[in-house]
PDB file of N, CA and C in Angstrom:
ATOM      1  N   UNK A   1      82.830 107.857 133.395  1.00  0.00           N
ATOM      2  CA  UNK A   1      83.762 108.858 133.858  1.00  0.00           C
ATOM      3  C   UNK A   1      84.098 109.806 132.714  1.00  0.00           C
ATOM      4  N   UNK A   2      84.056 111.075 132.987  1.00  0.00           N
ATOM      5  CA  UNK A   2      84.402 112.064 131.986  1.00  0.00           C
ATOM      6  C   UNK A   2      85.909 112.048 131.812  1.00  0.00           C
ATOM      7  N   UNK A   3      86.351 112.077 130.598  1.00  0.00           N
ATOM      8  CA  UNK A   3      87.789 112.091 130.365  1.00  0.00           C
ATOM      9  C   UNK A   3      88.078 112.267 128.897  1.00  0.00           C
ATOM     10  N   UNK A   4      89.320 112.029 128.546  1.00  0.00           N
ATOM     11  CA  UNK A   4      89.714 112.096 127.150  1.00  0.00           C
ATOM     12  C   UNK A   4      89.420 113.434 126.516  1.00  0.00           C
ATOM     13  N   UNK A   5      88.849 113.379 125.329  1.00  0.00           N
ATOM     14  CA  UNK A   5      88.575 114.600 124.559  1.00  0.00           C
ATOM     15  C   UNK A   5      87.646 115.570 125.271  1.00  0.00           C
ATOM     16  N   UNK A   6      86.660 115.034 125.999  1.00  0.00           N
ATOM     17  CA  UNK A   6      85.686 115.901 126.675  1.00  0.00           C
ATOM     18  C   UNK A   6      86.371 116.824 127.670  1.00  0.00           C
ATOM     19  N   UNK A   7      87.462 116.373 128.279  1.00  0.00           N
ATOM     20  CA  UNK A   7      88.141 117.196 129.271  1.00  0.00           C
ATOM     21  C   UNK A   7      89.358 117.896 128.694  1.00  0.00           C
ATOM     22  N   UNK A   8      89.615 117.732 127.408  1.00  0.00           N
ATOM     23  CA  UNK A   8      90.745 118.442 126.815  1.00  0.00           C
ATOM     24  C   UNK A   8      90.400 119.912 126.595  1.00  0.00           C
ATOM     25  N   UNK A   9      89.117 120.210 126.542  1.00  0.00           N
ATOM     26  CA  UNK A   9      88.644 121.596 126.426  1.00  0.00           C
ATOM     27  C   UNK A   9      88.143 122.046 127.790  1.00  0.00           C
ATOM     28  N   UNK A  10      88.344 123.308 128.087  1.00  0.00           N
ATOM     29  CA  UNK A  10      87.827 123.872 129.336  1.00  0.00           C
ATOM     30  C   UNK A  10      86.300 123.867 129.287  1.00  0.00           C
ATOM     31  N   UNK A  11      85.638 123.812 130.444  1.00  0.00           N
ATOM     32  CA  UNK A  11      84.170 123.780 130.449  1.00  0.00           C
ATOM     33  C   UNK A  11      83.538 124.903 129.632  1.00  0.00           C
ATOM     34  N   UNK A  12      84.032 126.126 129.776  1.00  0.00           N
ATOM     35  CA  UNK A  12      83.439 127.250 129.053  1.00  0.00           C
ATOM     36  C   UNK A  12      83.582 127.112 127.546  1.00  0.00           C
ATOM     37  N   UNK A  13      84.623 126.421 127.092  1.00  0.00           N
ATOM     38  CA  UNK A  13      84.850 126.240 125.658  1.00  0.00           C
ATOM     39  C   UNK A  13      83.844 125.287 125.028  1.00  0.00           C
ATOM     40  N   UNK A  14      83.124 124.538 125.844  1.00  0.00           N
ATOM     41  CA  UNK A  14      82.106 123.628 125.328  1.00  0.00           C
ATOM     42  C   UNK A  14      80.788 124.339 125.046  1.00  0.00           C
ATOM     43  N   UNK A  15      80.661 125.558 125.502  1.00  0.00           N
ATOM     44  CA  UNK A  15      79.436 126.334 125.261  1.00  0.00           C
ATOM     45  C   UNK A  15      79.442 126.880 123.846  1.00  0.00           C
ATOM     46  N   UNK A  16      78.254 126.999 123.279  1.00  0.00           N
ATOM     47  CA  UNK A  16      78.132 127.604 121.956  1.00  0.00           C
ATOM     48  C   UNK A  16      78.630 129.052 122.005  1.00  0.00           C
ATOM     49  N   UNK A  17      78.349 129.717 123.117  1.00  0.00           N
ATOM     50  CA  UNK A  17      78.812 131.084 123.331  1.00  0.00           C
ATOM     51  C   UNK A  17      79.603 131.147 124.634  1.00  0.00           C
ATOM     52  N   UNK A  18      80.920 130.901 124.586  1.00  0.00           N
ATOM     53  CA  UNK A  18      81.727 130.910 125.811  1.00  0.00           C
ATOM     54  C   UNK A  18      81.656 132.226 126.584  1.00  0.00           C
ATOM     55  N   UNK A  19      81.359 133.324 125.904  1.00  0.00           N
ATOM     56  CA  UNK A  19      81.272 134.623 126.576  1.00  0.00           C
ATOM     57  C   UNK A  19      80.068 134.705 127.506  1.00  0.00           C
ATOM     58  N   UNK A  20      79.126 133.783 127.349  1.00  0.00           N
ATOM     59  CA  UNK A  20      77.937 133.775 128.208  1.00  0.00           C
ATOM     60  C   UNK A  20      78.201 133.072 129.543  1.00  0.00           C
ATOM     61  N   UNK A  21      79.377 132.529 129.736  1.00  0.00           N
ATOM     62  CA  UNK A  21      79.734 131.870 131.000  1.00  0.00           C
ATOM     63  C   UNK A  21      79.554 132.829 132.153  1.00  0.00           C
ATOM     64  N   UNK A  22      78.990 132.488 133.266  1.00  0.00           N
ATOM     65  CA  UNK A  22      78.524 131.175 133.684  1.00  0.00           C
ATOM     66  C   UNK A  22      77.041 130.933 133.455  1.00  0.00           C
ATOM     67  N   UNK A  23      76.492 131.479 132.410  1.00  0.00           N
ATOM     68  CA  UNK A  23      75.069 131.272 132.119  1.00  0.00           C
ATOM     69  C   UNK A  23      74.847 130.752 130.706  1.00  0.00           C
ATOM     70  N   UNK A  24      75.878 130.190 130.095  1.00  0.00           N
ATOM     71  CA  UNK A  24      75.788 129.663 128.732  1.00  0.00           C
ATOM     72  C   UNK A  24      74.948 128.390 128.707  1.00  0.00           C
ATOM     73  N   UNK A  25      74.419 128.063 127.538  1.00  0.00           N
ATOM     74  CA  UNK A  25      73.673 126.819 127.370  1.00  0.00           C
ATOM     75  C   UNK A  25      74.672 125.680 127.198  1.00  0.00           C
ATOM     76  N   UNK A  26      74.713 124.799 128.171  1.00  0.00           N
ATOM     77  CA  UNK A  26      75.608 123.639 128.117  1.00  0.00           C
ATOM     78  C   UNK A  26      74.815 122.339 128.179  1.00  0.00           C
ATOM     79  N   UNK A  27      73.588 122.363 127.716  1.00  0.00           N
ATOM     80  CA  UNK A  27      72.705 121.205 127.771  1.00  0.00           C
ATOM     81  C   UNK A  27      73.365 119.943 127.211  1.00  0.00           C
ATOM     82  N   UNK A  28      74.083 120.015 126.083  1.00  0.00           N
ATOM     83  CA  UNK A  28      74.690 118.789 125.554  1.00  0.00           C
ATOM     84  C   UNK A  28      75.909 118.314 126.355  1.00  0.00           C
ATOM     85  N   UNK A  29      76.325 119.066 127.351  1.00  0.00           N
ATOM     86  CA  UNK A  29      77.535 118.759 128.112  1.00  0.00           C
ATOM     87  C   UNK A  29      77.226 118.792 129.615  1.00  0.00           C
ATOM     88  N   UNK A  30      76.619 117.722 130.149  1.00  0.00           N
ATOM     89  CA  UNK A  30      76.180 117.755 131.546  1.00  0.00           C
ATOM     90  C   UNK A  30      77.305 117.984 132.553  1.00  0.00           C
ATOM     91  N   UNK A  31      78.486 117.462 132.323  1.00  0.00           N
ATOM     92  CA  UNK A  31      79.584 117.680 133.272  1.00  0.00           C
ATOM     93  C   UNK A  31      79.989 119.154 133.282  1.00  0.00           C
ATOM     94  N   UNK A  32      80.075 119.770 132.113  1.00  0.00           N
ATOM     95  CA  UNK A  32      80.408 121.198 132.037  1.00  0.00           C
ATOM     96  C   UNK A  32      79.291 122.036 132.654  1.00  0.00           C
ATOM     97  N   UNK A  33      78.050 121.592 132.505  1.00  0.00           N
ATOM     98  CA  UNK A  33      76.924 122.321 133.098  1.00  0.00           C
ATOM     99  C   UNK A  33      77.008 122.312 134.620  1.00  0.00           C
ATOM    100  N   UNK A  34      77.494 121.211 135.204  1.00  0.00           N
ATOM    101  CA  UNK A  34      77.659 121.159 136.658  1.00  0.00           C
ATOM    102  C   UNK A  34      78.750 122.136 137.089  1.00  0.00           C
ATOM    103  N   UNK A  35      79.866 122.157 136.363  1.00  0.00           N
ATOM    104  CA  UNK A  35      80.941 123.105 136.689  1.00  0.00           C
ATOM    105  C   UNK A  35      80.420 124.535 136.574  1.00  0.00           C
ATOM    106  N   UNK A  36      79.624 124.800 135.552  1.00  0.00           N
ATOM    107  CA  UNK A  36      79.061 126.130 135.369  1.00  0.00           C
ATOM    108  C   UNK A  36      78.142 126.509 136.528  1.00  0.00           C
ATOM    109  N   UNK A  37      77.327 125.565 136.989  1.00  0.00           N
ATOM    110  CA  UNK A  37      76.432 125.832 138.122  1.00  0.00           C
ATOM    111  C   UNK A  37      77.237 126.110 139.386  1.00  0.00           C
ATOM    112  N   UNK A  38      78.302 125.355 139.581  1.00  0.00           N
ATOM    113  CA  UNK A  38      79.172 125.583 140.744  1.00  0.00           C
ATOM    114  C   UNK A  38      79.789 126.971 140.660  1.00  0.00           C
ATOM    115  N   UNK A  39      80.286 127.339 139.491  1.00  0.00           N
ATOM    116  CA  UNK A  39      80.913 128.655 139.307  1.00  0.00           C
ATOM    117  C   UNK A  39      79.915 129.775 139.555  1.00  0.00           C
ATOM    118  N   UNK A  40      78.704 129.638 139.046  1.00  0.00           N
ATOM    119  CA  UNK A  40      77.690 130.679 139.233  1.00  0.00           C
ATOM    120  C   UNK A  40      77.315 130.817 140.705  1.00  0.00           C
ATOM    121  N   UNK A  41      77.166 129.689 141.388  1.00  0.00           N
ATOM    122  CA  UNK A  41      76.834 129.731 142.815  1.00  0.00           C
ATOM    123  C   UNK A  41      77.971 130.356 143.608  1.00  0.00           C
ATOM    124  N   UNK A  42      79.194 129.958 143.303  1.00  0.00           N
ATOM    125  CA  UNK A  42      80.357 130.504 144.001  1.00  0.00           C
ATOM    126  C   UNK A  42      80.476 132.008 143.769  1.00  0.00           C
ATOM    127  N   UNK A  43      80.293 132.442 142.538  1.00  0.00           N
ATOM    128  CA  UNK A  43      80.365 133.882 142.236  1.00  0.00           C
ATOM    129  C   UNK A  43      79.314 134.652 143.029  1.00  0.00           C
ATOM    130  N   UNK A  44      78.118 134.103 143.118  1.00  0.00           N
ATOM    131  CA  UNK A  44      77.057 134.756 143.877  1.00  0.00           C
ATOM    132  C   UNK A  44      77.388 134.869 145.356  1.00  0.00           C
ATOM    133  N   UNK A  45      77.932 133.813 145.920  1.00  0.00           N
ATOM    134  CA  UNK A  45      78.303 133.836 147.341  1.00  0.00           C
ATOM    135  C   UNK A  45      79.418 134.846 147.590  1.00  0.00           C
ATOM    136  N   UNK A  46      80.419 134.855 146.727  1.00  0.00           N
ATOM    137  CA  UNK A  46      81.518 135.815 146.888  1.00  0.00           C
ATOM    138  C   UNK A  46      81.008 137.254 146.836  1.00  0.00           C
ATOM    139  N   UNK A  47      80.125 137.533 145.893  1.00  0.00           N
ATOM    140  CA  UNK A  47      79.575 138.888 145.773  1.00  0.00           C
ATOM    141  C   UNK A  47      78.719 139.240 146.987  1.00  0.00           C
ATOM    142  N   UNK A  48      77.860 138.316 147.381  1.00  0.00           N
ATOM    143  CA  UNK A  48      76.959 138.559 148.515  1.00  0.00           C
ATOM    144  C   UNK A  48      77.730 138.822 149.807  1.00  0.00           C
ATOM    145  N   UNK A  49      78.789 138.076 150.002  1.00  0.00           N
ATOM    146  CA  UNK A  49      79.571 138.207 151.237  1.00  0.00           C
ATOM    147  C   UNK A  49      80.739 139.191 151.109  1.00  0.00           C
ATOM    148  N   UNK A  50      80.876 139.749 149.918  1.00  0.00           N
ATOM    149  CA  UNK A  50      81.994 140.662 149.644  1.00  0.00           C
ATOM    150  C   UNK A  50      83.324 140.023 150.029  1.00  0.00           C
ATOM    151  N   UNK A  51      83.473 138.784 149.612  1.00  0.00           N
ATOM    152  CA  UNK A  51      84.653 137.998 149.925  1.00  0.00           C
ATOM    153  C   UNK A  51      85.565 137.963 148.705  1.00  0.00           C
ATOM    154  N   UNK A  52      86.821 138.232 148.900  1.00  0.00           N
ATOM    155  CA  UNK A  52      87.788 138.230 147.796  1.00  0.00           C
ATOM    156  C   UNK A  52      88.292 136.815 147.529  1.00  0.00           C
ATOM    157  N   UNK A  53      88.883 136.636 146.360  1.00  0.00           N
ATOM    158  CA  UNK A  53      89.496 135.351 146.040  1.00  0.00           C
ATOM    159  C   UNK A  53      90.617 135.043 147.025  1.00  0.00           C
ATOM    160  N   UNK A  54      91.379 136.048 147.370  1.00  0.00           N
ATOM    161  CA  UNK A  54      92.461 135.870 148.330  1.00  0.00           C
ATOM    162  C   UNK A  54      91.910 135.431 149.691  1.00  0.00           C
ATOM    163  N   UNK A  55      90.810 136.053 150.120  1.00  0.00           N
ATOM    164  CA  UNK A  55      90.193 135.683 151.394  1.00  0.00           C
ATOM    165  C   UNK A  55      89.674 134.262 151.378  1.00  0.00           C
ATOM    166  N   UNK A  56      89.027 133.870 150.281  1.00  0.00           N
ATOM    167  CA  UNK A  56      88.520 132.506 150.173  1.00  0.00           C
ATOM    168  C   UNK A  56      89.675 131.517 150.098  1.00  0.00           C
ATOM    169  N   UNK A  57      90.725 131.865 149.399  1.00  0.00           N
ATOM    170  CA  UNK A  57      91.889 130.985 149.319  1.00  0.00           C
ATOM    171  C   UNK A  57      92.477 130.743 150.704  1.00  0.00           C
ATOM    172  N   UNK A  58      92.605 131.802 151.476  1.00  0.00           N
ATOM    173  CA  UNK A  58      93.151 131.675 152.834  1.00  0.00           C
ATOM    174  C   UNK A  58      92.245 130.814 153.716  1.00  0.00           C
ATOM    175  N   UNK A  59      90.947 130.997 153.589  1.00  0.00           N
ATOM    176  CA  UNK A  59      90.003 130.267 154.427  1.00  0.00           C
ATOM    177  C   UNK A  59      89.872 128.797 154.030  1.00  0.00           C
ATOM    178  N   UNK A  60      90.047 128.505 152.739  1.00  0.00           N
ATOM    179  CA  UNK A  60      89.790 127.156 152.238  1.00  0.00           C
ATOM    180  C   UNK A  60      91.038 126.311 152.026  1.00  0.00           C
ATOM    181  N   UNK A  61      92.164 126.967 151.837  1.00  0.00           N
ATOM    182  CA  UNK A  61      93.371 126.224 151.498  1.00  0.00           C
ATOM    183  C   UNK A  61      93.467 125.911 150.015  1.00  0.00           C
ATOM    184  N   UNK A  62      92.537 126.450 149.226  1.00  0.00           N
ATOM    185  CA  UNK A  62      92.554 126.268 147.774  1.00  0.00           C
ATOM    186  C   UNK A  62      93.288 127.455 147.164  1.00  0.00           C
ATOM    187  N   UNK A  63      94.190 127.176 146.246  1.00  0.00           N
ATOM    188  CA  UNK A  63      94.971 128.208 145.590  1.00  0.00           C
ATOM    189  C   UNK A  63      94.066 129.264 144.945  1.00  0.00           C
ATOM    190  N   UNK A  64      94.418 130.530 145.093  1.00  0.00           N
ATOM    191  CA  UNK A  64      93.620 131.629 144.533  1.00  0.00           C
ATOM    192  C   UNK A  64      93.429 131.469 143.031  1.00  0.00           C
ATOM    193  N   UNK A  65      94.469 131.070 142.321  1.00  0.00           N
ATOM    194  CA  UNK A  65      94.355 130.913 140.869  1.00  0.00           C
ATOM    195  C   UNK A  65      93.416 129.764 140.508  1.00  0.00           C
ATOM    196  N   UNK A  66      93.398 128.716 141.319  1.00  0.00           N
ATOM    197  CA  UNK A  66      92.467 127.608 141.078  1.00  0.00           C
ATOM    198  C   UNK A  66      91.021 128.086 141.217  1.00  0.00           C
ATOM    199  N   UNK A  67      90.781 128.951 142.194  1.00  0.00           N
ATOM    200  CA  UNK A  67      89.436 129.513 142.375  1.00  0.00           C
ATOM    201  C   UNK A  67      89.080 130.406 141.185  1.00  0.00           C
ATOM    202  N   UNK A  68      90.015 131.238 140.761  1.00  0.00           N
ATOM    203  CA  UNK A  68      89.781 132.123 139.610  1.00  0.00           C
ATOM    204  C   UNK A  68      89.505 131.304 138.348  1.00  0.00           C
ATOM    205  N   UNK A  69      90.252 130.219 138.152  1.00  0.00           N
ATOM    206  CA  UNK A  69      90.040 129.368 136.976  1.00  0.00           C
ATOM    207  C   UNK A  69      88.675 128.691 137.015  1.00  0.00           C
ATOM    208  N   UNK A  70      88.239 128.267 138.190  1.00  0.00           N
ATOM    209  CA  UNK A  70      86.907 127.680 138.340  1.00  0.00           C
ATOM    210  C   UNK A  70      85.835 128.710 137.981  1.00  0.00           C
ATOM    211  N   UNK A  71      85.960 129.902 138.535  1.00  0.00           N
ATOM    212  CA  UNK A  71      84.971 130.953 138.270  1.00  0.00           C
ATOM    213  C   UNK A  71      84.902 131.316 136.787  1.00  0.00           C
ATOM    214  N   UNK A  72      86.038 131.279 136.114  1.00  0.00           N
ATOM    215  CA  UNK A  72      86.099 131.652 134.700  1.00  0.00           C
ATOM    216  C   UNK A  72      85.799 130.496 133.755  1.00  0.00           C
ATOM    217  N   UNK A  73      85.617 129.288 134.310  1.00  0.00           N
ATOM    218  CA  UNK A  73      85.325 128.136 133.462  1.00  0.00           C
ATOM    219  C   UNK A  73      86.541 127.610 132.729  1.00  0.00           C
ATOM    220  N   UNK A  74      87.720 127.899 133.240  1.00  0.00           N
ATOM    221  CA  UNK A  74      88.959 127.458 132.596  1.00  0.00           C
ATOM    222  C   UNK A  74      89.460 126.116 133.109  1.00  0.00           C
ATOM    223  N   UNK A  75      88.804 125.551 134.145  1.00  0.00           N
ATOM    224  CA  UNK A  75      89.294 124.299 134.720  1.00  0.00           C
ATOM    225  C   UNK A  75      88.148 123.375 135.094  1.00  0.00           C
ATOM    226  N   UNK A  76      88.516 122.122 135.277  1.00  0.00           N
ATOM    227  CA  UNK A  76      87.599 121.097 135.764  1.00  0.00           C
ATOM    228  C   UNK A  76      87.967 120.849 137.222  1.00  0.00           C
ATOM    229  N   UNK A  77      87.269 121.447 138.180  1.00  0.00           N
ATOM    230  CA  UNK A  77      87.643 121.283 139.580  1.00  0.00           C
ATOM    231  C   UNK A  77      87.418 119.846 140.049  1.00  0.00           C
ATOM    232  N   UNK A  78      88.273 119.402 140.957  1.00  0.00           N
ATOM    233  CA  UNK A  78      88.084 118.058 141.492  1.00  0.00           C
ATOM    234  C   UNK A  78      87.193 118.113 142.734  1.00  0.00           C
ATOM    235  N   UNK A  79      86.788 116.955 143.184  1.00  0.00           N
ATOM    236  CA  UNK A  79      85.868 116.857 144.311  1.00  0.00           C
ATOM    237  C   UNK A  79      86.493 117.446 145.577  1.00  0.00           C
ATOM    238  N   UNK A  80      87.796 117.238 145.774  1.00  0.00           N
ATOM    239  CA  UNK A  80      88.458 117.779 146.959  1.00  0.00           C
ATOM    240  C   UNK A  80      88.396 119.301 146.976  1.00  0.00           C
ATOM    241  N   UNK A  81      88.594 119.922 145.827  1.00  0.00           N
ATOM    242  CA  UNK A  81      88.524 121.388 145.737  1.00  0.00           C
ATOM    243  C   UNK A  81      87.136 121.881 146.114  1.00  0.00           C
ATOM    244  N   UNK A  82      86.112 121.251 145.561  1.00  0.00           N
ATOM    245  CA  UNK A  82      84.734 121.658 145.858  1.00  0.00           C
ATOM    246  C   UNK A  82      84.445 121.449 147.344  1.00  0.00           C
ATOM    247  N   UNK A  83      84.893 120.335 147.903  1.00  0.00           N
ATOM    248  CA  UNK A  83      84.656 120.066 149.322  1.00  0.00           C
ATOM    249  C   UNK A  83      85.325 121.117 150.204  1.00  0.00           C
ATOM    250  N   UNK A  84      86.551 121.493 149.883  1.00  0.00           N
ATOM    251  CA  UNK A  84      87.252 122.519 150.668  1.00  0.00           C
ATOM    252  C   UNK A  84      86.535 123.864 150.583  1.00  0.00           C
ATOM    253  N   UNK A  85      86.087 124.228 149.385  1.00  0.00           N
ATOM    254  CA  UNK A  85      85.376 125.500 149.215  1.00  0.00           C
ATOM    255  C   UNK A  85      84.045 125.482 149.960  1.00  0.00           C
ATOM    256  N   UNK A  86      83.294 124.382 149.839  1.00  0.00           N
ATOM    257  CA  UNK A  86      82.013 124.282 150.543  1.00  0.00           C
ATOM    258  C   UNK A  86      82.206 124.375 152.053  1.00  0.00           C
ATOM    259  N   UNK A  87      83.242 123.731 152.560  1.00  0.00           N
ATOM    260  CA  UNK A  87      83.504 123.758 154.000  1.00  0.00           C
ATOM    261  C   UNK A  87      83.864 125.166 154.458  1.00  0.00           C
ATOM    262  N   UNK A  88      84.734 125.833 153.718  1.00  0.00           N
ATOM    263  CA  UNK A  88      85.147 127.191 154.095  1.00  0.00           C
ATOM    264  C   UNK A  88      83.976 128.164 154.058  1.00  0.00           C
ATOM    265  N   UNK A  89      83.085 127.977 153.093  1.00  0.00           N
ATOM    266  CA  UNK A  89      81.944 128.881 152.932  1.00  0.00           C
ATOM    267  C   UNK A  89      80.730 128.462 153.767  1.00  0.00           C
ATOM    268  N   UNK A  90      80.750 127.249 154.277  1.00  0.00           N
ATOM    269  CA  UNK A  90      79.579 126.669 154.956  1.00  0.00           C
ATOM    270  C   UNK A  90      78.357 126.807 154.051  1.00  0.00           C
ATOM    271  N   UNK A  91      78.567 126.461 152.791  1.00  0.00           N
ATOM    272  CA  UNK A  91      77.502 126.572 151.789  1.00  0.00           C
ATOM    273  C   UNK A  91      77.676 125.465 150.759  1.00  0.00           C
ATOM    274  N   UNK A  92      76.571 125.043 150.200  1.00  0.00           N
ATOM    275  CA  UNK A  92      76.598 124.008 149.162  1.00  0.00           C
ATOM    276  C   UNK A  92      76.877 124.652 147.810  1.00  0.00           C
ATOM    277  N   UNK A  93      77.871 124.137 147.098  1.00  0.00           N
ATOM    278  CA  UNK A  93      78.178 124.597 145.748  1.00  0.00           C
ATOM    279  C   UNK A  93      77.692 123.596 144.711  1.00  0.00           C
ATOM    280  N   UNK A  94      77.778 122.321 145.055  1.00  0.00           N
ATOM    281  CA  UNK A  94      77.370 121.275 144.121  1.00  0.00           C
ATOM    282  C   UNK A  94      75.865 121.367 143.915  1.00  0.00           C
ATOM    283  N   UNK A  95      75.413 121.382 142.654  1.00  0.00           N
ATOM    284  CA  UNK A  95      73.974 121.544 142.390  1.00  0.00           C
ATOM    285  C   UNK A  95      73.162 120.332 142.854  1.00  0.00           C
ATOM    286  N   UNK A  96      71.934 120.582 143.191  1.00  0.00           N
ATOM    287  CA  UNK A  96      70.998 119.528 143.609  1.00  0.00           C
ATOM    288  C   UNK A  96      70.401 118.865 142.380  1.00  0.00           C
ATOM    289  N   UNK A  97      70.507 117.574 142.286  1.00  0.00           N
ATOM    290  CA  UNK A  97      69.821 116.797 141.255  1.00  0.00           C
ATOM    291  C   UNK A  97      70.222 117.113 139.824  1.00  0.00           C
ATOM    292  N   UNK A  98      69.720 116.295 138.886  1.00  0.00           N
ATOM    293  CA  UNK A  98      70.118 116.432 137.479  1.00  0.00           C
ATOM    294  C   UNK A  98      69.588 117.682 136.786  1.00  0.00           C
ATOM    295  N   UNK A  99      68.550 118.300 137.294  1.00  0.00           N
ATOM    296  CA  UNK A  99      68.006 119.481 136.619  1.00  0.00           C
ATOM    297  C   UNK A  99      68.602 120.779 137.152  1.00  0.00           C
ATOM    298  N   UNK A 100      69.513 120.676 138.123  1.00  0.00           N
ATOM    299  CA  UNK A 100      70.032 121.877 138.767  1.00  0.00           C
ATOM    300  C   UNK A 100      70.961 122.725 137.912  1.00  0.00           C
ATOM    301  N   UNK A 101      71.823 122.144 137.040  1.00  0.00           N
ATOM    302  CA  UNK A 101      72.705 123.035 136.283  1.00  0.00           C
ATOM    303  C   UNK A 101      71.923 124.059 135.487  1.00  0.00           C
ATOM    304  N   UNK A 102      72.492 125.274 135.447  1.00  0.00           N
ATOM    305  CA  UNK A 102      71.812 126.370 134.768  1.00  0.00           C
ATOM    306  C   UNK A 102      72.178 126.433 133.334  1.00  0.00           C
TER     307      UNK A 102
END
């Protein structure tokens, strides 16, 4: 289970270049790489559908700021948050298999 020091820093802060989020190299940090893949997929869906954070928050029941923090790599989203977002979007956010994180 990821915890302790590994989660004391935001996912983006674990990247060598945090400004490259959500495409930074997080190879040494597999949990952060999964969060990054989720954020990149979510950002793509929002752009493609021209959906605002407020609209997604209303549809999913997830707080708008929680969505913004996920997209920016400032938080470690929990499974319930990802499930609510996936359900509202009718799309998979969680990456497929161990090689999926970008």
